[in-house]
Protein backbone atom coordinates (compact mmCIF):
# COMPACT_ATOMS: atom_id res chain seq x y z
CA MET A 1 68.68 115.09 28.07
CA PHE A 2 71.62 117.76 27.04
CA ASN A 3 71.71 120.61 29.77
CA SER A 4 73.66 123.53 28.01
CA GLY A 5 76.19 124.76 30.28
CA THR A 6 78.40 126.87 28.28
CA ALA A 7 78.04 130.86 27.98
CA THR A 8 80.13 133.08 26.24
CA LYS A 9 80.28 136.96 27.35
CA GLN A 10 78.99 137.19 24.37
CA VAL A 11 75.43 136.45 25.55
CA TYR A 12 75.93 138.28 28.99
CA VAL A 13 76.30 141.04 26.74
CA ALA A 14 73.52 140.53 24.70
CA SER A 15 71.58 139.69 27.35
CA LEU A 16 72.27 142.61 29.83
CA PHE A 17 72.07 145.27 26.78
CA SER A 18 68.45 144.11 25.57
CA ALA A 19 67.29 144.45 29.39
CA ILE A 20 68.08 148.45 29.28
CA GLY A 21 64.26 148.01 28.35
CA GLY A 22 64.06 147.56 31.87
CA ILE A 23 65.16 150.79 32.87
CA CYS A 24 62.82 152.61 30.77
CA PHE A 25 59.88 150.56 32.78
CA GLY A 26 61.60 151.36 36.13
CA TYR A 27 62.23 154.86 35.73
CA ASP A 28 58.23 155.57 34.35
CA THR A 29 57.41 153.66 37.39
CA GLY A 30 59.62 155.52 39.57
CA VAL A 31 59.60 159.16 38.10
CA ILE A 32 55.30 159.39 38.34
CA SER A 33 55.59 159.06 42.11
CA SER A 34 58.10 162.14 42.71
CA VAL A 35 56.03 164.38 39.78
CA LEU A 36 52.90 163.81 41.36
CA ASN A 37 53.75 165.26 44.84
CA MET A 38 55.11 168.89 43.05
CA ASP A 39 53.10 171.79 43.37
CA PRO A 40 54.17 172.91 39.51
CA PHE A 41 53.07 169.72 37.67
CA LYS A 42 49.75 169.61 39.67
CA ILE A 43 48.89 173.28 38.82
CA ALA A 44 50.01 172.59 35.04
CA MET A 45 47.23 169.60 35.32
CA ASN A 46 44.14 171.32 36.83
CA GLY A 47 45.44 174.70 37.52
CA THR A 48 45.13 173.80 41.56
CA THR A 49 47.90 172.31 43.92
CA THR A 50 46.18 169.49 44.61
CA LEU A 51 45.40 166.40 42.78
CA SER A 52 42.26 163.92 43.46
CA PRO A 53 42.93 160.40 43.99
CA LEU A 54 41.11 159.67 41.23
CA GLU A 55 43.47 162.17 38.96
CA GLN A 56 46.20 160.62 40.51
CA GLY A 57 44.78 157.07 39.69
CA THR A 58 44.42 157.78 36.48
CA ILE A 59 47.44 159.61 35.31
CA THR A 60 49.43 156.13 36.77
CA GLY A 61 46.93 153.83 35.63
CA LEU A 62 46.55 155.45 31.73
CA LEU A 63 50.43 153.88 31.63
CA LEU A 64 49.57 150.52 32.89
CA ALA A 65 46.65 150.24 30.76
CA GLY A 66 49.09 150.92 27.69
CA CYS A 67 51.26 148.36 28.78
CA PHE A 68 48.13 146.25 28.61
CA VAL A 69 47.36 146.64 25.20
CA GLY A 70 51.19 146.49 24.40
CA SER A 71 51.99 143.47 25.58
CA LEU A 72 48.87 141.62 23.87
CA PHE A 73 50.04 143.22 20.33
CA ALA A 74 53.69 141.99 21.23
CA ALA A 75 52.86 138.18 20.49
CA PRO A 76 52.47 138.39 16.39
CA LEU A 77 54.95 140.88 16.34
CA ALA A 78 57.61 138.96 17.91
CA GLU A 79 56.72 136.12 15.97
CA SER A 80 56.76 137.70 12.56
CA PHE A 81 58.93 140.57 12.86
CA SER A 82 61.54 138.67 14.96
CA ARG A 83 61.93 139.48 18.95
CA LYS A 84 65.14 141.93 17.92
CA ARG A 85 63.10 143.94 15.47
CA SER A 86 60.15 144.06 17.86
CA ILE A 87 62.18 145.49 20.70
CA PHE A 88 63.54 148.30 18.71
CA LEU A 89 59.76 148.88 17.25
CA TYR A 90 58.65 149.48 20.73
CA SER A 91 61.46 151.53 22.26
CA ILE A 92 60.74 154.08 18.85
CA VAL A 93 57.16 154.21 20.65
CA PHE A 94 58.18 154.74 24.14
CA ILE A 95 59.99 157.59 22.91
CA ILE A 96 56.90 159.02 21.49
CA GLY A 97 55.45 159.00 24.83
CA ALA A 98 57.86 160.46 26.68
CA ALA A 99 58.09 163.11 24.65
CA VAL A 100 54.63 164.25 24.52
CA GLN A 101 55.04 163.36 28.62
CA THR A 102 57.90 165.62 28.62
CA GLY A 103 56.15 168.76 26.51
CA THR A 104 52.76 168.41 28.07
CA ASN A 105 50.58 171.36 28.51
CA GLY A 106 47.56 170.02 30.49
CA TYR A 107 45.99 166.96 32.07
CA ALA A 108 44.99 165.46 28.70
CA SER A 109 47.93 165.82 27.06
CA MET A 110 50.03 164.14 30.10
CA VAL A 111 47.26 161.25 30.33
CA CYS A 112 47.46 160.25 26.22
CA GLY A 113 51.32 160.35 26.92
CA ARG A 114 51.41 158.02 29.40
CA ALA A 115 49.19 155.55 27.53
CA VAL A 116 51.61 155.78 24.73
CA ALA A 117 54.33 155.12 26.77
CA GLY A 118 52.51 152.26 27.83
CA LEU A 119 52.23 150.66 24.88
CA GLY A 120 56.09 150.66 24.57
CA ILE A 121 56.72 149.66 27.81
CA GLY A 122 53.77 146.53 28.16
CA GLY A 123 55.83 145.17 24.40
CA LEU A 124 59.23 145.69 25.77
CA SER A 125 58.26 144.16 29.23
CA MET A 126 56.81 140.66 27.41
CA ILE A 127 59.82 140.97 24.16
CA VAL A 128 62.81 141.57 26.53
CA PRO A 129 62.41 138.85 29.15
CA LEU A 130 61.29 136.39 25.94
CA TYR A 131 64.49 136.97 24.02
CA ILE A 132 66.86 136.32 27.04
CA SER A 133 65.25 133.23 27.73
CA GLU A 134 65.95 131.83 24.14
CA LEU A 135 69.43 133.29 24.34
CA ALA A 136 70.84 131.59 27.79
CA PRO A 137 71.98 128.39 28.89
CA ALA A 138 69.79 126.66 31.15
CA ASP A 139 71.63 126.32 33.97
CA ILE A 140 72.34 130.57 33.97
CA ARG A 141 68.60 131.51 32.37
CA GLY A 142 67.52 133.06 35.58
CA ARG A 143 70.67 134.96 36.29
CA LEU A 144 70.09 136.37 32.71
CA ILE A 145 66.55 137.36 32.35
CA ALA A 146 67.01 138.48 36.07
CA PHE A 147 68.46 141.51 34.60
CA GLN A 148 65.36 142.93 33.52
CA GLN A 149 64.61 143.05 36.97
CA PHE A 150 67.97 144.35 38.02
CA THR A 151 67.71 147.43 35.23
CA ILE A 152 64.16 147.86 36.29
CA THR A 153 65.37 148.86 39.97
CA VAL A 154 68.13 151.01 38.46
CA GLY A 155 65.73 152.91 36.55
CA ILE A 156 63.46 153.17 39.85
CA MET A 157 66.41 154.48 41.37
CA LEU A 158 67.48 157.02 39.37
CA ALA A 159 64.01 158.45 38.82
CA PHE A 160 63.59 158.98 42.79
CA TRP A 161 66.63 160.71 43.02
CA VAL A 162 66.27 163.06 39.79
CA GLY A 163 62.63 163.72 41.10
CA ALA A 164 64.02 164.55 44.66
CA GLY A 165 67.00 166.53 43.24
CA THR A 166 64.88 168.57 40.74
CA GLN A 167 62.08 169.37 43.66
CA MET A 168 65.18 170.60 45.75
CA HIS A 169 66.46 172.86 42.92
CA PHE A 170 63.67 174.21 41.08
CA ASP A 171 60.00 175.72 41.76
CA ASN A 172 58.95 176.53 37.85
CA GLU A 173 58.17 173.45 35.43
CA ALA A 174 61.55 172.26 34.94
CA SER A 175 60.90 170.26 38.25
CA TYR A 176 58.86 168.07 36.66
CA ARG A 177 59.96 168.43 33.10
CA ILE A 178 63.29 167.35 33.61
CA PRO A 179 62.78 163.79 34.92
CA LEU A 180 59.99 163.18 32.75
CA GLY A 181 62.45 163.97 29.72
CA ILE A 182 65.28 162.10 31.10
CA GLN A 183 63.70 158.45 30.33
CA ILE A 184 64.05 159.25 26.92
CA VAL A 185 67.59 158.75 26.83
CA PRO A 186 67.49 154.85 27.31
CA ALA A 187 65.22 154.49 25.44
CA LEU A 188 67.79 155.99 22.45
CA VAL A 189 70.57 153.73 23.76
CA LEU A 190 68.53 150.42 23.17
CA VAL A 191 67.11 151.93 19.89
CA PHE A 192 70.55 151.86 18.16
CA GLY A 193 72.42 148.93 20.28
CA VAL A 194 69.62 146.45 19.37
CA LEU A 195 70.66 147.00 15.79
CA PHE A 196 73.83 145.30 16.73
CA LEU A 197 72.33 142.33 19.08
CA PRO A 198 71.99 138.58 17.36
CA TYR A 199 68.22 137.30 16.56
CA SER A 200 67.11 134.51 18.93
CA PRO A 201 68.16 131.30 17.71
CA ARG A 202 65.06 129.64 18.83
CA TRP A 203 63.19 132.44 16.29
CA LEU A 204 65.38 131.49 13.86
CA ALA A 205 64.78 127.85 14.02
CA SER A 206 60.79 128.19 13.99
CA LYS A 207 61.02 130.18 10.73
CA GLY A 208 63.27 127.03 9.44
CA ARG A 209 66.41 129.53 9.31
CA TYR A 210 68.33 126.52 10.95
CA ASP A 211 71.95 127.60 9.76
CA GLU A 212 71.60 131.08 10.64
CA CYS A 213 69.77 129.74 14.16
CA LEU A 214 73.59 127.22 14.42
CA ASP A 215 75.29 130.30 13.78
CA VAL A 216 74.09 132.05 16.56
CA LEU A 217 74.26 129.64 18.76
CA ALA A 218 78.03 129.29 18.24
CA TYR A 219 78.34 132.63 18.59
CA LEU A 220 76.99 132.20 22.43
CA ARG A 221 77.94 129.32 23.28
CA SER A 222 81.09 128.18 21.32
CA HIS A 223 82.81 131.67 20.00
CA GLY A 224 81.64 130.64 16.47
CA ASP A 225 82.50 127.10 16.92
CA LYS A 226 79.49 125.45 15.29
CA THR A 227 81.24 122.12 15.74
CA ASP A 228 81.21 122.26 19.10
CA PRO A 229 79.40 119.20 20.67
CA ARG A 230 77.71 121.31 23.54
CA THR A 231 76.46 123.39 20.86
CA VAL A 232 75.40 121.07 18.16
CA SER A 233 73.37 119.18 21.07
CA GLU A 234 71.60 122.10 21.90
CA PHE A 235 70.87 122.79 18.44
CA GLU A 236 69.97 119.32 17.59
CA GLU A 237 67.42 119.73 20.61
CA ILE A 238 66.01 122.80 19.27
CA LYS A 239 65.45 121.45 15.98
CA GLN A 240 63.42 118.30 16.82
CA GLU A 241 61.72 120.54 19.53
CA ILE A 242 60.34 122.42 16.59
CA GLU A 243 59.78 119.74 14.28
CA LEU A 244 57.40 118.02 16.71
CA GLU A 245 55.55 121.14 17.42
CA LYS A 246 55.06 121.70 13.87
CA ALA A 247 53.24 118.37 13.58
CA VAL A 248 51.08 118.23 16.68
CA SER A 249 49.57 121.80 15.51
CA ILE A 250 50.09 123.75 18.38
CA THR A 251 51.09 126.93 16.87
CA SER A 252 47.85 128.90 17.63
CA TYR A 253 46.05 130.29 21.04
CA VAL A 254 44.49 127.51 20.99
CA GLY A 255 47.25 125.26 21.90
CA LEU A 256 47.29 127.29 25.08
CA LEU A 257 44.43 125.49 26.49
CA LYS A 258 45.44 122.40 25.33
CA GLY A 259 47.73 119.45 27.62
CA THR A 260 49.83 120.37 29.89
CA VAL A 261 50.50 124.00 28.30
CA ARG A 262 47.21 124.69 29.55
CA ARG A 263 48.59 124.34 33.17
CA ARG A 264 51.62 125.98 32.26
CA LEU A 265 49.20 128.95 31.28
CA VAL A 266 47.04 129.27 34.61
CA LEU A 267 50.71 129.28 36.43
CA GLY A 268 52.37 132.03 34.45
CA VAL A 269 48.76 134.37 34.89
CA LEU A 270 48.99 133.59 38.38
CA VAL A 271 52.82 134.58 38.97
CA GLN A 272 52.07 137.86 37.39
CA ILE A 273 48.96 138.64 39.12
CA PHE A 274 50.63 137.55 42.25
CA GLN A 275 53.81 139.90 41.49
CA GLN A 276 51.03 142.34 41.83
CA PHE A 277 49.01 141.67 44.33
CA THR A 278 52.53 141.73 47.02
CA GLY A 279 51.42 145.46 46.69
CA ILE A 280 55.19 146.26 45.52
CA ASN A 281 53.49 149.11 43.01
CA SER A 282 51.40 150.76 45.45
CA ILE A 283 55.21 151.40 47.47
CA MET A 284 56.62 152.49 43.69
CA TYR A 285 54.03 154.49 42.67
CA TYR A 286 52.82 156.37 46.01
CA ALA A 287 56.24 156.06 48.21
CA PRO A 288 56.24 159.55 49.00
CA THR A 289 52.63 159.41 49.82
CA ILE A 290 53.48 156.05 52.06
CA PHE A 291 56.31 157.23 53.97
CA GLN A 292 54.40 160.78 55.00
CA GLN A 293 51.79 158.35 56.67
CA ALA A 294 54.73 156.59 58.13
CA GLY A 295 55.85 159.80 60.09
CA ILE A 296 58.57 161.46 57.49
CA ASP A 297 57.69 165.51 57.63
CA GLY A 298 57.75 167.05 54.50
CA THR A 299 57.62 166.42 50.73
CA SER A 300 61.22 166.32 50.18
CA ALA A 301 61.71 164.19 52.91
CA ALA A 302 59.29 161.94 51.94
CA LEU A 303 61.16 161.79 48.33
CA ILE A 304 64.38 161.30 49.91
CA ALA A 305 63.63 158.19 52.20
CA SER A 306 61.63 157.03 48.59
CA GLY A 307 65.07 157.47 47.09
CA VAL A 308 66.97 155.59 50.01
CA ASN A 309 64.21 152.80 48.93
CA GLY A 310 64.95 152.92 45.42
CA VAL A 311 68.40 152.10 46.15
CA LEU A 312 67.85 149.15 48.86
CA ASN A 313 66.01 147.84 45.89
CA VAL A 314 69.05 147.79 43.40
CA PHE A 315 71.14 146.26 45.72
CA ALA A 316 68.30 143.22 46.99
CA THR A 317 67.96 142.35 43.51
CA VAL A 318 71.70 141.12 43.72
CA PRO A 319 71.34 137.77 45.40
CA ALA A 320 68.56 137.34 43.53
CA MET A 321 70.44 137.17 40.14
CA LEU A 322 73.39 135.62 41.77
CA PHE A 323 71.16 132.17 43.63
CA VAL A 324 68.24 132.11 41.79
CA ASP A 325 69.61 129.24 39.44
CA ARG A 326 70.95 127.40 42.82
CA LEU A 327 68.39 127.96 45.13
CA GLY A 328 65.34 127.12 42.69
CA ARG A 329 62.24 129.27 42.22
CA ARG A 330 60.20 127.88 44.31
CA LYS A 331 61.88 128.62 47.58
CA ILE A 332 62.68 131.72 46.42
CA MET A 333 59.28 132.72 45.81
CA MET A 334 57.83 131.03 48.87
CA ILE A 335 60.66 132.85 51.49
CA GLY A 336 60.09 135.83 49.64
CA ALA A 337 56.68 136.25 50.04
CA MET A 338 56.94 135.24 53.57
CA VAL A 339 59.36 138.27 54.46
CA MET A 340 57.00 140.47 52.72
CA GLY A 341 53.89 139.45 54.02
CA THR A 342 55.41 139.31 57.85
CA ALA A 343 57.04 143.01 57.13
CA MET A 344 53.71 144.57 55.66
CA LEU A 345 51.74 142.84 58.63
CA LEU A 346 54.04 144.49 60.99
CA CYS A 347 53.94 147.59 59.28
CA GLY A 348 49.77 148.06 59.20
CA ILE A 349 49.48 146.88 63.41
CA VAL A 350 51.93 149.33 64.38
CA MET A 351 50.83 152.00 62.48
CA GLY A 352 47.19 151.21 63.31
CA ALA A 353 47.84 151.14 66.95
CA THR A 354 49.88 154.14 67.32
CA GLY A 355 48.58 156.37 64.94
CA LYS A 356 45.60 158.68 64.26
CA VAL A 357 43.22 158.85 61.59
CA SER A 358 42.02 161.84 60.58
CA TYR A 359 40.19 163.43 57.67
CA ASP A 360 42.28 165.79 55.74
CA ALA A 361 40.01 168.59 54.00
CA ALA A 362 42.33 170.05 51.88
CA LYS A 363 43.52 167.11 50.61
CA GLN A 364 40.24 165.45 50.85
CA THR A 365 41.75 161.89 51.98
CA ASN A 366 42.28 160.37 55.56
CA VAL A 367 45.61 160.57 56.88
CA VAL A 368 47.86 158.79 59.88
CA PHE A 369 49.32 161.05 62.12
CA MET A 370 51.68 159.18 64.00
CA GLY A 371 52.76 162.27 66.47
CA ASP A 372 55.83 162.33 68.50
CA ASN A 373 55.99 158.76 68.59
CA LYS A 374 58.92 158.83 66.20
CA SER A 375 60.03 154.72 67.37
CA ALA A 376 56.78 153.86 65.85
CA SER A 377 57.56 156.01 62.80
CA TYR A 378 61.20 154.74 62.05
CA PHE A 379 59.77 150.85 62.62
CA CYS A 380 57.00 151.29 59.91
CA ILE A 381 59.88 153.05 57.68
CA VAL A 382 62.14 149.99 58.37
CA MET A 383 59.56 147.55 58.13
CA ILE A 384 58.53 149.19 54.29
CA TYR A 385 62.53 148.48 53.56
CA PHE A 386 62.27 144.88 54.47
CA PHE A 387 59.44 144.58 52.05
CA VAL A 388 60.90 146.38 49.30
CA ALA A 389 64.28 143.91 49.74
CA GLY A 390 62.11 141.20 50.39
CA PHE A 391 60.49 141.32 46.82
CA ALA A 392 63.72 142.64 44.73
CA ALA A 393 65.29 139.41 45.99
CA SER A 394 62.18 137.20 45.43
CA TRP A 395 59.49 138.10 43.52
CA GLY A 396 61.08 141.06 41.68
CA PRO A 397 62.89 139.00 39.24
CA VAL A 398 61.37 135.31 39.54
CA GLY A 399 58.10 137.09 38.34
CA TRP A 400 59.56 137.87 34.94
CA ILE A 401 61.88 134.57 34.79
CA TYR A 402 58.72 131.53 35.43
CA PRO A 403 56.20 132.43 32.74
CA ALA A 404 59.66 133.41 30.29
CA GLU A 405 60.40 129.93 30.30
CA ILE A 406 57.73 127.56 30.89
CA TYR A 407 55.93 127.34 27.46
CA PRO A 408 56.81 125.35 24.39
CA MET A 409 58.40 127.18 21.22
CA ALA A 410 55.34 127.42 18.99
CA VAL A 411 53.26 128.91 21.21
CA ARG A 412 55.99 130.87 23.77
CA ALA A 413 55.44 134.28 22.65
CA LYS A 414 51.54 134.00 22.94
CA GLY A 415 52.15 132.46 26.14
CA THR A 416 54.30 135.18 27.43
CA SER A 417 52.40 137.65 25.58
CA ILE A 418 49.21 136.81 27.97
CA THR A 419 50.93 136.03 31.16
CA THR A 420 52.29 139.78 30.36
CA ALA A 421 48.82 141.46 29.89
CA ALA A 422 47.88 139.79 33.01
CA ASN A 423 50.78 141.65 35.30
CA TRP A 424 49.78 144.95 33.60
CA LEU A 425 45.88 144.48 34.09
CA PHE A 426 46.37 143.70 37.66
CA ASN A 427 49.37 146.30 37.67
CA PHE A 428 46.70 148.84 36.58
CA VAL A 429 43.80 148.00 38.95
CA ILE A 430 46.38 148.26 42.22
CA SER A 431 47.00 151.76 40.76
CA GLU A 432 43.67 152.59 40.56
CA ILE A 433 42.88 151.16 44.09
CA CYS A 434 45.74 152.12 46.27
CA PRO A 435 45.19 155.97 46.32
CA VAL A 436 41.76 155.40 47.64
CA MET A 437 42.69 152.52 50.17
CA LEU A 438 45.78 155.02 51.37
CA ALA A 439 42.97 157.44 51.66
CA SER A 440 40.18 155.68 53.28
CA ILE A 441 41.50 152.53 55.21
CA THR A 442 45.09 153.91 55.51
CA TRP A 443 46.80 151.81 57.57
CA GLY A 444 44.46 148.56 56.48
CA THR A 445 45.96 148.74 52.81
CA TYR A 446 49.54 146.97 54.38
CA ILE A 447 47.38 143.95 56.20
CA PHE A 448 45.68 143.61 52.83
CA PHE A 449 48.70 143.04 51.05
CA GLY A 450 50.32 141.24 53.49
CA CYS A 451 47.61 138.50 54.16
CA CYS A 452 48.04 138.02 49.83
CA CYS A 453 51.40 137.55 50.34
CA PHE A 454 50.92 134.59 52.77
CA PHE A 455 47.90 133.21 50.58
CA MET A 456 50.61 133.13 47.73
CA THR A 457 53.09 131.11 49.63
CA ILE A 458 50.59 128.27 50.14
CA CYS A 459 49.66 128.71 46.47
CA VAL A 460 53.57 128.36 45.01
CA PHE A 461 54.06 125.28 47.51
CA ILE A 462 51.22 123.47 46.22
CA PHE A 463 51.06 123.77 42.78
CA PHE A 464 54.12 125.63 41.04
CA PRO A 465 56.66 122.99 40.14
CA GLU A 466 60.45 123.84 40.10
CA THR A 467 62.11 125.02 36.74
CA LYS A 468 65.50 125.59 37.41
CA GLY A 469 68.45 124.00 35.38
CA ARG A 470 66.01 122.92 32.60
CA THR A 471 66.44 123.57 29.26
CA LEU A 472 63.58 125.01 27.32
CA GLU A 473 63.10 122.19 25.33
CA GLU A 474 62.56 119.77 28.63
CA MET A 475 59.52 121.56 29.96
CA ASP A 476 57.59 119.36 28.69
CA GLN A 477 58.83 116.77 31.08
CA VAL A 478 58.70 119.73 33.94
CA PHE A 479 55.01 120.12 33.46
CA SER A 480 54.24 116.43 32.94
CA GLY A 481 54.40 115.31 36.60
CA SER A 482 51.30 115.65 39.04
CA VAL A 483 49.75 119.21 39.78
CA TRP A 484 50.32 118.64 43.52
CA ALA A 485 54.13 120.23 42.83
CA PHE A 486 55.01 119.90 46.42
CA LYS A 487 54.74 115.85 46.05
CA ASP A 488 57.24 116.18 43.14
CA ALA A 489 59.42 118.79 45.43
CA ARG A 490 59.26 116.20 47.99
CA ALA A 491 60.30 113.40 45.67
CA GLY A 492 63.54 115.69 44.69
CA SER A 493 63.34 114.58 41.18
CA ILE A 494 61.21 115.70 38.11
CA PRO A 495 59.00 112.44 36.05
CA HIS A 496 61.30 111.82 33.15
CA THR A 497 58.93 108.80 32.01
CA THR A 498 55.86 110.31 31.44
CA ALA A 499 56.08 112.17 27.82
CA VAL A 500 53.85 114.87 27.00
CA ILE A 501 54.45 114.61 23.66
CA ASP A 502 54.50 110.88 21.62
CA GLN A 503 57.05 111.55 19.12
CA GLU A 504 55.61 108.33 17.31
CA LYS A 505 52.20 109.07 16.80
CA GLY A 506 52.87 112.99 16.64
CA SER A 507 49.88 114.20 19.11
CA MET A 508 50.08 116.03 22.49
CA HIS A 509 49.06 113.82 25.26
CA LYS A 510 46.13 115.36 27.06
CA ALA A 511 47.20 115.79 30.59
CA GLU A 512 44.72 116.90 32.90
CA LEU A 513 45.33 120.39 34.92
């Protein structure tokens, strides 16, 4: 089958600009870890300088609950309203939530603002990878979707440094209102910029707007030349796939449970759940607390260490963008999981062996004191840095790439919506249990996430087929092989003889999961 290998600068610009939605997600993720440790913020929330683990978890988790709901509602909007217009709408929702957070005058308004902002982020986190996947040529699709993760890391980095800066220079409400208010800026840029982006060519085709589909493909692939052979070939492939899917009626949610689509749904959900059980958001949401446990004295010092962590996160994402389409998704996920698992286990083991756990009555939590053992403290911090680098170069981008590219057009928005909702659901779970785990089992938290990473490595090796270099229309072939993906990986090829859709009969092959 044809494998598109052409891309103009327009496809890069459209992909990178739409990925600004990732800055909203990343900044909001990073800013809350700084704000939660600011005394003026704590006083504004409950009148004291202490937030209980439950209060911290709820402030963090309400955004994630909103993300869960927003990502589920994104599917019907993306299908009927278009990918482009849905990005515009969810950006407006995020701005409203961010504004409420910035002007918060108490705990109730803060959690409400977080929930509304979550609706916006949840929708953007589902639609942006979907939109980019439908714009991108097969040979650089992973790189372009990875823009989403890159902008997420940029947002996290900016949030850490803004939070550290305002805490150092302000001792009043400005210390938290400025960081919370800045998140509105990228959303405003996206609101106005998305008006100039093209519609998804595959969405246009799904609505029968084939002339417009060809116009957009030519714009993205061949500088507007609608007679370019590769552009015409891709257009015909998209058109044939759309017509086949309409013929076999796999446009409803029930279609996600049929044939190989069911297998794709399971794997897509697992990718998103696994991404959360790496433990990355335990680091991102509660970084200052974690660095203090690892031996850095003082809130400001912990925030600076978190800022360095944010810079590393950005730079470590770049290799993934460069090599994900060359090395493939499977190898990157397995290598990344092993690096993360090793770093987490070593951090937990050293912290447990050298630190002393005691109860801090003021903070109502167990705390690990590393004492004068600076070598052990620095080793734990380095391991956290290794963990973040491993995530940024692997599961960070691939966790969004894999689910966005595996579904048939007819149910792509629905499938991506469900997998993204799974991400946010378990993100919420982790955000709720992480402060409790850090407060109770302390260094055991790292052991737990380290073991999860090694379990993920085994699952990817056994079950996850390689998708690099395949067009979206060829994913039926990718998932028509054995459910034991390592057998196809050893063979070095994807079976082309087994068709999932019988074009003559117009029926879906009921492949077993």
